[in-house]
């Protein structure tokens, strides 16, 4: 390095200037900085401290690239072939297993992944809420519902009001605890609306990833803001209060959604109400049928118990005398109907199986989707024969209970369903 004025090589350090080393020439007193390395071809010279012959960088590179070539004259074709071989070797090194398992390659992948995540976050849209706190109050439940209406996550919430106004109360504290950005406006008519319009018109400058905006205010002047936001390509929801409901209008599609403030739930449409009523009626019918089946089963068990007590309890000898007396006290028309009524007699297991098969077949024909339980089959059998199923089973000496008989019979199949058993006839399947 030489002095730029007198080209003297006698100099000394003289402090720093602009974070660079400053020098003072001992010959002429010129102050100068260490010159930057020039990229011009004239300055591309290499020299060592011993004063050996200077060689240009281009020549040095040429010598380095050509040192492995034969001692023949280096032509352009040889240089091209050498460049191709060098690129091939470099590619083989990159795709080798050692390189793929190296720490350098892992760090490179991590940087690429981080870069892609940052790009993905920048491309992901968000939703934004603008609230006129002087015109509309939104509690946490209403806010969660508004967030569910949007397709993009609600990440930015801004509230405008004159926070010194006593009528606002402690609403600023509540909104601030819910991560709202509070914008103060001076007192005056429509000050909050004007600030919302001014801020919302250039919203993309502050939040370039916003895709949806909730404009929460009942003031009609904000329709100008909604139109401007739509012109900027945003999805706009105008949120207003109508009575005890929040009225949410999608300005782009015209879809209307209502939210009940007292009930903290969405107000369904007429079609949804009809579907809900139908579902409730269907569920109630299924519940009634289930309770009736349970009632029939309890009644059957109670009747069987009474019959057992009448036949086997020696303390009730007068019961058989009381029953004829009660029958004689009935009107003659009922007595005649009872006399005319005849029940089929069960003489063996084949007769019983045939009757049970007919009952199952009739029930399946009348209601194919109905699941037939053992208790209902027993009640139908009792209606036809006038005897309880267990009494018939014991009389024919086919087992102890009606359920065990069906389990042991090859004609019928039982399937557990909760506390009940479903019964089907194998011949009907």
Protein backbone atom coordinates (compact mmCIF):
# COMPACT_ATOMS: atom_id res chain seq x y z
CA UNK A 1 0.00 0.00 0.00
CA UNK A 2 1.33 3.45 -0.93
CA UNK A 3 0.35 7.03 -0.23
CA UNK A 4 -2.13 8.20 -2.89
CA UNK A 5 -0.34 11.60 -3.13
CA UNK A 6 3.39 10.87 -3.16
CA UNK A 7 3.28 7.07 -3.52
CA UNK A 8 5.53 6.70 -0.52
CA UNK A 9 5.43 3.45 1.38
CA UNK A 10 6.35 5.16 4.66
CA UNK A 11 3.18 5.62 6.73
CA UNK A 12 1.76 4.89 10.15
CA UNK A 13 -1.65 4.17 11.64
CA UNK A 14 -3.60 7.26 12.67
CA UNK A 15 -6.85 6.13 14.38
CA UNK A 16 -10.07 4.97 12.68
CA UNK A 17 -12.57 6.76 10.53
CA UNK A 18 -16.01 5.35 9.58
CA UNK A 19 -14.98 2.04 11.17
CA UNK A 20 -11.97 1.86 8.82
CA UNK A 21 -8.24 2.11 9.57
CA UNK A 22 -6.84 5.62 8.93
CA UNK A 23 -3.17 6.13 7.94
CA UNK A 24 -0.77 9.17 7.96
CA UNK A 25 1.98 9.51 5.34
CA UNK A 26 5.37 10.31 6.96
CA UNK A 27 6.66 11.87 3.76
CA UNK A 28 3.91 14.38 2.81
CA UNK A 29 1.53 14.26 5.79
CA UNK A 30 -1.43 13.02 3.71
CA UNK A 31 -4.16 11.11 5.67
CA UNK A 32 -5.77 8.27 3.79
CA UNK A 33 -7.81 5.12 4.37
CA UNK A 34 -6.85 1.63 3.43
CA UNK A 35 -7.95 1.31 -0.22
CA UNK A 36 -10.56 -1.29 -1.10
CA UNK A 37 -9.50 -4.18 -3.32
CA UNK A 38 -10.11 -3.14 -6.90
CA UNK A 39 -11.95 -5.52 -9.24
CA UNK A 40 -10.54 -3.96 -12.42
CA UNK A 41 -8.41 -6.24 -14.64
CA UNK A 42 -5.46 -3.88 -14.24
CA UNK A 43 -5.48 -4.27 -10.47
CA UNK A 44 -5.93 -8.05 -10.44
CA UNK A 45 -2.28 -8.69 -9.61
CA UNK A 46 -0.79 -10.97 -7.02
CA UNK A 47 2.52 -10.21 -5.30
CA UNK A 48 4.18 -11.65 -2.26
CA UNK A 49 6.17 -9.77 0.35
CA UNK A 50 9.47 -11.01 -1.03
CA UNK A 51 9.03 -9.04 -4.26
CA UNK A 52 8.62 -12.02 -6.54
CA UNK A 53 7.30 -11.65 -10.06
CA UNK A 54 3.68 -10.43 -10.12
CA UNK A 55 1.09 -12.69 -11.72
CA UNK A 56 -2.50 -11.72 -12.61
CA UNK A 57 -5.48 -13.47 -11.05
CA UNK A 58 -6.74 -14.64 -14.43
CA UNK A 59 -3.40 -16.30 -15.16
CA UNK A 60 -3.32 -17.86 -11.70
CA UNK A 61 -6.82 -19.37 -12.22
CA UNK A 62 -5.82 -20.64 -15.62
CA UNK A 63 -2.71 -22.31 -14.20
CA UNK A 64 -4.74 -23.83 -11.32
CA UNK A 65 -7.42 -25.27 -13.60
CA UNK A 66 -4.93 -26.59 -16.10
CA UNK A 67 -2.38 -28.16 -13.80
CA UNK A 68 -3.96 -31.62 -14.03
CA UNK A 69 -4.22 -31.56 -17.83
CA UNK A 70 -1.60 -33.16 -20.09
CA UNK A 71 1.44 -31.09 -21.03
CA UNK A 72 0.02 -30.43 -24.47
CA UNK A 73 -1.20 -27.09 -25.59
CA UNK A 74 -4.33 -26.05 -23.64
CA UNK A 75 -7.06 -25.21 -26.11
CA UNK A 76 -10.63 -24.02 -25.69
CA UNK A 77 -11.90 -27.57 -26.24
CA UNK A 78 -9.73 -28.85 -23.42
CA UNK A 79 -10.95 -26.13 -21.08
CA UNK A 80 -14.57 -26.97 -21.99
CA UNK A 81 -13.97 -30.66 -21.36
CA UNK A 82 -12.29 -29.89 -18.06
CA UNK A 83 -15.22 -27.68 -16.98
CA UNK A 84 -17.65 -30.49 -17.79
CA UNK A 85 -15.63 -32.99 -15.77
CA UNK A 86 -15.40 -30.55 -12.88
CA UNK A 87 -19.18 -30.01 -12.90
CA UNK A 88 -19.76 -33.77 -13.02
CA UNK A 89 -17.48 -34.37 -10.05
CA UNK A 90 -19.15 -31.57 -8.11
CA UNK A 91 -22.60 -33.05 -8.81
CA UNK A 92 -21.47 -36.49 -7.68
CA UNK A 93 -20.13 -34.98 -4.48
CA UNK A 94 -23.43 -33.21 -3.75
CA UNK A 95 -25.63 -36.27 -4.28
CA UNK A 96 -23.32 -38.63 -2.40
CA UNK A 97 -24.51 -40.24 0.82
CA UNK A 98 -21.74 -38.59 2.83
CA UNK A 99 -22.85 -35.17 1.70
CA UNK A 100 -26.55 -35.89 2.34
CA UNK A 101 -25.74 -37.02 5.88
CA UNK A 102 -23.38 -34.16 6.63
CA UNK A 103 -24.13 -31.34 9.06
CA UNK A 104 -23.73 -28.74 6.31
CA UNK A 105 -26.52 -30.32 4.27
CA UNK A 106 -28.76 -30.50 7.37
CA UNK A 107 -28.24 -26.79 8.05
CA UNK A 108 -29.02 -26.03 4.41
CA UNK A 109 -32.31 -27.96 4.60
CA UNK A 110 -33.21 -26.16 7.86
CA UNK A 111 -32.68 -22.76 6.26
CA UNK A 112 -34.79 -23.74 3.26
CA UNK A 113 -37.55 -24.99 5.56
CA UNK A 114 -37.51 -21.79 7.61
CA UNK A 115 -37.65 -19.74 4.43
CA UNK A 116 -40.67 -21.73 3.21
CA UNK A 117 -42.44 -21.32 6.56
CA UNK A 118 -41.93 -17.56 6.48
CA UNK A 119 -43.23 -17.45 2.92
CA UNK A 120 -46.24 -19.57 3.87
CA UNK A 121 -47.06 -17.27 6.78
CA UNK A 122 -46.88 -14.25 4.52
CA UNK A 123 -49.22 -15.92 2.02
CA UNK A 124 -51.73 -17.11 4.66
CA UNK A 125 -54.70 -14.77 4.99
CA UNK A 126 -56.18 -13.37 8.19
CA UNK A 127 -59.44 -11.79 9.30
CA UNK A 128 -59.71 -8.36 10.90
CA UNK A 129 -62.41 -6.79 13.08
CA UNK A 130 -63.21 -3.08 13.18
CA UNK A 131 -65.50 -2.11 16.08
CA UNK A 132 -67.33 1.14 16.72
CA UNK A 133 -67.37 0.76 20.51
CA UNK A 134 -69.67 3.78 20.92
CA UNK A 135 -72.35 2.15 18.75
CA UNK A 136 -72.06 -1.58 19.43
CA UNK A 137 -70.93 -3.79 22.31
CA UNK A 138 -69.63 -7.27 21.58
CA UNK A 139 -69.07 -9.78 24.38
CA UNK A 140 -66.68 -12.71 24.21
CA UNK A 141 -69.35 -15.19 23.03
CA UNK A 142 -70.44 -12.91 20.19
CA UNK A 143 -66.83 -12.42 19.20
CA UNK A 144 -66.22 -16.17 19.05
CA UNK A 145 -69.30 -16.57 16.86
CA UNK A 146 -68.11 -13.84 14.50
CA UNK A 147 -64.74 -15.59 14.29
CA UNK A 148 -66.52 -18.83 13.32
CA UNK A 149 -68.31 -17.06 10.48
CA UNK A 150 -64.99 -16.10 8.86
CA UNK A 151 -62.98 -18.56 6.80
CA UNK A 152 -59.64 -17.09 7.91
CA UNK A 153 -58.42 -16.83 11.54
CA UNK A 154 -59.40 -13.64 13.36
CA UNK A 155 -56.04 -12.21 14.43
CA UNK A 156 -56.47 -8.42 14.52
CA UNK A 157 -59.18 -6.56 16.49
CA UNK A 158 -59.36 -2.75 16.57
CA UNK A 159 -61.91 -0.69 18.58
CA UNK A 160 -62.61 3.03 17.98
CA UNK A 161 -64.17 5.32 20.60
CA UNK A 162 -63.72 8.41 22.75
CA UNK A 163 -62.39 6.50 25.72
CA UNK A 164 -62.76 9.56 27.96
CA UNK A 165 -66.51 9.47 27.52
CA UNK A 166 -68.11 8.35 30.85
CA UNK A 167 -70.79 6.41 28.99
CA UNK A 168 -68.14 3.97 27.75
CA UNK A 169 -67.50 2.88 31.32
CA UNK A 170 -64.84 0.20 31.71
CA UNK A 171 -65.31 -1.15 28.23
CA UNK A 172 -61.77 -0.09 27.27
CA UNK A 173 -60.30 -2.29 30.01
CA UNK A 174 -62.39 -5.28 28.95
CA UNK A 175 -61.51 -4.90 25.28
CA UNK A 176 -57.84 -4.39 26.05
CA UNK A 177 -57.80 -7.63 28.07
CA UNK A 178 -59.26 -9.34 25.00
CA UNK A 179 -56.32 -8.16 22.85
CA UNK A 180 -58.08 -5.27 21.12
CA UNK A 181 -56.10 -2.34 19.79
CA UNK A 182 -57.77 0.80 21.18
CA UNK A 183 -57.92 3.89 18.96
CA UNK A 184 -58.94 7.11 20.69
CA UNK A 185 -60.95 9.78 18.85
CA UNK A 186 -62.00 13.22 20.11
CA UNK A 187 -65.55 13.91 21.16
CA UNK A 188 -68.01 14.78 18.44
CA UNK A 189 -70.72 13.28 16.27
CA UNK A 190 -69.57 10.38 14.08
CA UNK A 191 -65.90 10.82 15.11
CA UNK A 192 -65.45 7.08 15.59
CA UNK A 193 -67.14 6.35 12.24
CA UNK A 194 -64.94 8.85 10.42
CA UNK A 195 -61.79 7.38 11.94
CA UNK A 196 -62.91 3.87 11.02
CA UNK A 197 -63.48 4.93 7.42
CA UNK A 198 -60.10 6.69 7.20
CA UNK A 199 -58.26 3.76 8.76
CA UNK A 200 -60.15 1.03 6.93
CA UNK A 201 -59.66 2.61 3.50
CA UNK A 202 -55.89 1.99 3.72
CA UNK A 203 -56.05 -1.23 5.75
CA UNK A 204 -54.01 -3.21 3.23
CA UNK A 205 -51.08 -0.88 3.80
CA UNK A 206 -50.85 -1.93 7.46
CA UNK A 207 -52.06 -5.54 7.10
CA UNK A 208 -51.24 -6.82 3.60
CA UNK A 209 -52.36 -10.40 4.38
CA UNK A 210 -55.91 -9.51 5.43
CA UNK A 211 -58.62 -11.30 3.45
CA UNK A 212 -61.81 -10.71 5.48
CA UNK A 213 -63.01 -7.71 7.49
CA UNK A 214 -65.83 -7.50 10.05
CA UNK A 215 -67.25 -3.95 10.15
CA UNK A 216 -69.13 -3.82 13.46
CA UNK A 217 -71.40 -0.78 13.67
CA UNK A 218 -75.04 0.06 13.04
CA UNK A 219 -74.34 3.49 11.56
CA UNK A 220 -75.43 3.65 7.93
CA UNK A 221 -72.52 5.88 6.94
CA UNK A 222 -70.20 2.88 7.19
CA UNK A 223 -71.71 1.42 4.03
CA UNK A 224 -69.18 3.63 2.20
CA UNK A 225 -66.36 1.82 4.00
CA UNK A 226 -67.88 -1.56 3.13
CA UNK A 227 -68.04 -0.61 -0.57
CA UNK A 228 -64.45 0.63 -0.57
CA UNK A 229 -63.17 -2.57 1.07
CA UNK A 230 -65.07 -4.67 -1.45
CA UNK A 231 -63.48 -2.69 -4.28
CA UNK A 232 -60.08 -3.62 -2.82
CA UNK A 233 -60.94 -7.31 -3.21
CA UNK A 234 -61.72 -8.08 0.45
CA UNK A 235 -64.59 -10.14 1.90
CA UNK A 236 -66.68 -7.77 4.02
CA UNK A 237 -69.13 -8.66 6.82
CA UNK A 238 -71.35 -5.85 8.09
CA UNK A 239 -72.33 -6.57 11.70
CA UNK A 240 -75.29 -4.65 13.17
CA UNK A 241 -77.60 -5.08 16.12
CA UNK A 242 -81.32 -5.54 15.51
CA UNK A 243 -83.25 -5.93 18.75
CA UNK A 244 -81.77 -8.83 20.69
CA UNK A 245 -79.95 -10.26 17.67
CA UNK A 246 -76.71 -9.56 15.84
CA UNK A 247 -77.34 -9.28 12.11
CA UNK A 248 -74.32 -10.39 10.06
CA UNK A 249 -74.48 -9.65 6.33
CA UNK A 250 -71.90 -10.93 3.87
CA UNK A 251 -71.65 -7.98 1.49
CA UNK A 252 -70.02 -10.11 -1.21
CA UNK A 253 -72.57 -12.95 -1.34
CA UNK A 254 -75.61 -11.39 0.36
CA UNK A 255 -75.83 -14.24 2.88
CA UNK A 256 -77.52 -13.25 6.17
CA UNK A 257 -76.77 -14.79 9.56
CA UNK A 258 -78.42 -13.93 12.88
CA UNK A 259 -77.03 -14.47 16.36
CA UNK A 260 -79.20 -14.34 19.50
CA UNK A 261 -77.50 -12.30 22.22
CA UNK A 262 -79.63 -13.57 25.18
CA UNK A 263 -79.34 -17.23 24.13
CA UNK A 264 -75.74 -16.93 22.87
CA UNK A 265 -76.46 -19.08 19.84
CA UNK A 266 -77.12 -18.75 16.14
CA UNK A 267 -80.71 -18.12 15.09
CA UNK A 268 -81.46 -20.95 12.62
CA UNK A 269 -83.27 -20.48 9.33
CA UNK A 270 -86.78 -21.79 8.68
CA UNK A 271 -85.44 -24.90 6.94
CA UNK A 272 -83.15 -25.68 9.87
CA UNK A 273 -86.03 -25.21 12.33
CA UNK A 274 -88.18 -27.69 10.41
CA UNK A 275 -85.34 -30.23 10.29
CA UNK A 276 -84.72 -29.81 14.02
CA UNK A 277 -88.41 -30.32 14.85
CA UNK A 278 -88.53 -33.46 12.71
CA UNK A 279 -85.45 -34.84 14.46
CA UNK A 280 -86.98 -34.12 17.87
CA UNK A 281 -90.26 -35.82 16.92
CA UNK A 282 -88.41 -38.87 15.59
CA UNK A 283 -86.29 -39.11 18.73
CA UNK A 284 -89.37 -38.78 20.93
CA UNK A 285 -91.18 -41.52 19.02
CA UNK A 286 -88.22 -43.86 19.43
CA UNK A 287 -88.08 -43.02 23.13
CA UNK A 288 -91.82 -43.73 23.55
CA UNK A 289 -91.52 -47.07 21.75
CA UNK A 290 -88.60 -48.05 23.95
CA UNK A 291 -90.49 -47.14 27.11
CA UNK A 292 -93.58 -49.04 25.95
CA UNK A 293 -91.49 -52.15 25.33
CA UNK A 294 -90.00 -51.82 28.81
CA UNK A 295 -93.47 -51.37 30.29
CA UNK A 296 -94.74 -54.47 28.50
CA UNK A 297 -91.79 -56.48 29.80
CA UNK A 298 -92.40 -55.30 33.39
CA UNK A 299 -96.12 -56.06 33.13
CA UNK A 300 -95.42 -59.53 31.78
CA UNK A 301 -93.00 -60.29 34.60
CA UNK A 302 -95.46 -58.99 37.19
CA UNK A 303 -98.26 -61.11 35.74
CA UNK A 304 -96.12 -64.22 35.77
CA UNK A 305 -95.22 -63.56 39.39
CA UNK A 306 -98.91 -63.20 40.36
CA UNK A 307 -99.78 -66.46 38.66
CA UNK A 308 -96.99 -68.24 40.51
CA UNK A 309 -98.22 -66.92 43.82
CA UNK A 310 -101.79 -67.99 43.08
CA UNK A 311 -100.77 -71.54 42.23
CA UNK A 312 -98.04 -72.16 44.81
CA UNK A 313 -98.78 -69.89 47.77
CA UNK A 314 -100.81 -71.95 50.31
CA UNK A 315 -101.78 -68.81 52.21
CA UNK A 316 -104.11 -67.70 49.36
CA UNK A 317 -106.68 -70.52 49.07
CA UNK A 318 -109.58 -68.17 48.62
CA UNK A 319 -108.19 -66.48 45.47
CA UNK A 320 -109.64 -69.15 43.21
CA UNK A 321 -113.05 -68.51 44.78
CA UNK A 322 -112.79 -64.76 44.37
CA UNK A 323 -112.02 -64.90 40.62
CA UNK A 324 -115.34 -66.63 39.64
CA UNK A 325 -117.25 -64.18 41.83
CA UNK A 326 -115.62 -61.27 40.05
CA UNK A 327 -116.40 -62.85 36.71
CA UNK A 328 -120.07 -63.31 37.65
CA UNK A 329 -120.31 -59.68 38.68
CA UNK A 330 -119.39 -58.51 35.16
CA UNK A 331 -122.14 -57.51 32.72
CA UNK A 332 -123.68 -60.35 30.72
CA UNK A 333 -122.44 -58.94 27.40
CA UNK A 334 -118.83 -59.04 28.62
CA UNK A 335 -119.33 -62.55 30.04
CA UNK A 336 -120.67 -63.75 26.70
CA UNK A 337 -117.74 -62.21 24.85
CA UNK A 338 -115.35 -63.92 27.24
CA UNK A 339 -117.10 -67.23 26.75
CA UNK A 340 -116.98 -66.83 22.98
CA UNK A 341 -113.31 -65.89 23.08
CA UNK A 342 -111.17 -68.96 22.50
CA UNK A 343 -107.38 -69.26 22.70
CA UNK A 344 -105.27 -71.74 20.75
CA UNK A 345 -103.86 -74.56 22.80
CA UNK A 346 -100.16 -75.21 22.89
CA UNK A 347 -99.70 -78.98 22.87
CA UNK A 348 -96.03 -79.31 21.86
CA UNK A 349 -92.91 -77.43 20.80
CA UNK A 350 -93.75 -77.63 17.08
CA UNK A 351 -97.06 -75.82 17.62
CA UNK A 352 -95.34 -73.15 19.69
CA UNK A 353 -92.54 -72.62 17.13
CA UNK A 354 -95.07 -72.31 14.31
CA UNK A 355 -97.08 -69.70 16.23
CA UNK A 356 -93.92 -67.73 17.11
CA UNK A 357 -92.78 -67.88 13.48
CA UNK A 358 -96.14 -66.44 12.33
CA UNK A 359 -95.90 -63.63 14.89
CA UNK A 360 -92.38 -62.70 13.78
CA UNK A 361 -93.40 -62.85 10.12
CA UNK A 362 -96.42 -60.57 10.66
CA UNK A 363 -94.36 -57.99 12.58
CA UNK A 364 -91.66 -57.95 9.89
CA UNK A 365 -94.24 -57.50 7.13
CA UNK A 366 -95.95 -54.60 8.90
CA UNK A 367 -92.76 -52.81 9.97
CA UNK A 368 -89.61 -54.19 8.31
CA UNK A 369 -87.26 -51.73 10.06
CA UNK A 370 -88.54 -52.48 13.56
CA UNK A 371 -86.25 -54.56 15.75
CA UNK A 372 -88.24 -57.27 17.54
CA UNK A 373 -87.27 -57.81 21.17
CA UNK A 374 -87.91 -60.91 23.26
CA UNK A 375 -90.23 -59.01 25.59
CA UNK A 376 -92.39 -57.80 22.71
CA UNK A 377 -92.55 -61.29 21.20
CA UNK A 378 -93.61 -62.59 24.60
CA UNK A 379 -96.34 -59.96 24.93
CA UNK A 380 -97.68 -60.80 21.46
CA UNK A 381 -97.70 -64.49 22.38
CA UNK A 382 -99.57 -63.66 25.58
CA UNK A 383 -102.23 -61.75 23.64
CA UNK A 384 -102.86 -64.73 21.39
CA UNK A 385 -102.71 -67.59 23.88
CA UNK A 386 -103.92 -65.84 27.03
CA UNK A 387 -100.98 -67.29 28.91
CA UNK A 388 -97.61 -65.87 29.79
CA UNK A 389 -94.63 -67.20 27.75
CA UNK A 390 -92.91 -68.65 30.83
CA UNK A 391 -96.10 -70.48 31.83
CA UNK A 392 -96.33 -72.07 28.39
CA UNK A 393 -92.67 -73.11 28.48
CA UNK A 394 -93.07 -74.70 31.93
CA UNK A 395 -96.32 -76.38 30.99
CA UNK A 396 -94.75 -78.01 27.93
CA UNK A 397 -91.58 -78.77 29.93
CA UNK A 398 -89.38 -76.99 27.40
CA UNK A 399 -87.17 -75.20 29.88
CA UNK A 400 -87.30 -72.69 32.72
CA UNK A 401 -87.79 -69.39 30.90
CA UNK A 402 -88.97 -68.16 27.53
CA UNK A 403 -85.59 -66.52 26.74
CA UNK A 404 -83.62 -69.72 27.42
CA UNK A 405 -85.99 -71.66 25.20
CA UNK A 406 -85.41 -69.27 22.30
CA UNK A 407 -81.64 -69.51 22.81
CA UNK A 408 -81.74 -73.32 22.67
CA UNK A 409 -84.16 -73.51 19.72
CA UNK A 410 -82.60 -73.98 16.25
CA UNK A 411 -85.50 -72.08 14.70
CA UNK A 412 -84.74 -68.74 16.32
CA UNK A 413 -81.67 -66.55 16.77
CA UNK A 414 -81.03 -64.09 19.60
CA UNK A 415 -78.74 -61.06 19.45
CA UNK A 416 -77.84 -58.92 22.47
CA UNK A 417 -78.92 -55.26 22.14
CA UNK A 418 -78.25 -53.34 25.37
CA UNK A 419 -80.30 -54.87 28.12
CA UNK A 420 -82.63 -56.57 25.65
CA UNK A 421 -82.31 -59.39 23.12
CA UNK A 422 -83.38 -59.10 19.50
CA UNK A 423 -85.04 -62.21 18.10
CA UNK A 424 -85.27 -63.31 14.49
CA UNK A 425 -86.55 -66.45 12.83
CA UNK A 426 -83.92 -68.21 10.77
CA UNK A 427 -86.50 -69.26 8.21
CA UNK A 428 -87.40 -65.60 7.65
CA UNK A 429 -83.88 -64.44 6.79
